């Protein structure tokens, strides 16, 4: 009788495959975290500038060019 032998040395077990996938996900998450730590402070000045520009634009009084300015007479009483 011939005995069948199975080669298990070349097989990739499920635990090793999952460990590899989670390891790659961990490296990607670390890269994203470090990138945010570097680039997030660079986003602060444009954000503050945009907020101030919107506030400045929204607080301006509307000007109507059709209305003419009427003179306001000033009365001075001399005693």
Protein backbone atom coordinates (compact mmCIF):
# COMPACT_ATOMS: atom_id res chain seq x y z
CA UNK A 1 0.00 0.00 0.00
CA UNK A 2 1.14 3.46 -0.77
CA UNK A 3 0.59 6.06 1.85
CA UNK A 4 -0.48 9.49 0.74
CA UNK A 5 1.50 12.36 2.10
CA UNK A 6 0.19 15.86 2.26
CA UNK A 7 2.53 18.83 1.88
CA UNK A 8 1.51 21.29 4.59
CA UNK A 9 4.68 23.34 4.50
CA UNK A 10 3.63 25.28 1.42
CA UNK A 11 0.07 25.95 2.53
CA UNK A 12 -0.91 29.32 3.95
CA UNK A 13 -3.04 28.76 7.04
CA UNK A 14 -6.08 30.93 7.62
CA UNK A 15 -4.62 32.52 10.76
CA UNK A 16 -1.49 33.61 8.91
CA UNK A 17 -3.56 35.09 6.08
CA UNK A 18 -5.75 37.05 8.48
CA UNK A 19 -2.70 38.24 10.38
CA UNK A 20 -1.16 39.48 7.15
CA UNK A 21 -4.34 41.36 6.15
CA UNK A 22 -4.74 42.96 9.59
CA UNK A 23 -1.06 43.86 9.62
CA UNK A 24 -1.37 45.67 6.28
CA UNK A 25 -4.50 47.47 7.55
CA UNK A 26 -2.59 48.54 10.66
CA UNK A 27 0.26 49.94 8.58
CA UNK A 28 -2.21 51.86 6.39
CA UNK A 29 -4.01 53.23 9.47
CA UNK A 30 -0.69 54.32 10.97
CA UNK A 31 0.26 56.06 7.71
CA UNK A 32 -3.08 57.91 7.61
CA UNK A 33 -2.73 58.94 11.26
CA UNK A 34 0.78 60.28 10.75
CA UNK A 35 -0.25 62.11 7.58
CA UNK A 36 -3.10 63.80 9.42
CA UNK A 37 -0.76 64.81 12.21
CA UNK A 38 1.47 66.52 9.64
CA UNK A 39 -1.10 68.10 7.33
CA UNK A 40 -3.88 69.06 9.75
CA UNK A 41 -2.05 72.12 11.17
CA UNK A 42 -1.53 73.34 7.59
CA UNK A 43 -5.30 73.43 7.10
CA UNK A 44 -5.90 75.77 10.04
CA UNK A 45 -4.85 79.13 8.47
CA UNK A 46 -6.96 78.74 5.29
CA UNK A 47 -9.94 77.67 7.40
CA UNK A 48 -9.64 80.70 9.70
CA UNK A 49 -9.17 83.01 6.71
CA UNK A 50 -12.25 81.58 4.99
CA UNK A 51 -14.35 82.00 8.14
CA UNK A 52 -13.24 85.61 8.59
CA UNK A 53 -13.90 86.42 4.92
CA UNK A 54 -17.41 84.97 5.11
CA UNK A 55 -18.10 86.91 8.31
CA UNK A 56 -16.82 90.12 6.73
CA UNK A 57 -18.96 89.57 3.65
CA UNK A 58 -22.10 88.77 5.66
CA UNK A 59 -21.78 91.78 7.99
CA UNK A 60 -21.53 94.39 5.22
CA UNK A 61 -24.48 96.75 4.88
CA UNK A 62 -26.22 96.63 1.51
CA UNK A 63 -25.57 99.73 -0.56
CA UNK A 64 -28.21 101.00 -2.96
CA UNK A 65 -26.81 103.20 -5.69
CA UNK A 66 -30.28 104.33 -6.76
CA UNK A 67 -30.88 106.31 -3.58
CA UNK A 68 -29.46 109.80 -3.54
CA UNK A 69 -28.04 111.24 -0.38
CA UNK A 70 -30.11 114.16 0.86
CA UNK A 71 -28.32 116.90 2.73
CA UNK A 72 -28.95 117.06 6.44
CA UNK A 73 -29.24 120.73 7.46
CA UNK A 74 -27.57 121.69 10.68
CA UNK A 75 -29.08 124.50 12.74
CA UNK A 76 -26.84 126.54 14.92
CA UNK A 77 -28.46 128.88 17.42
CA UNK A 78 -26.43 131.94 18.20
CA UNK A 79 -27.44 133.75 21.34
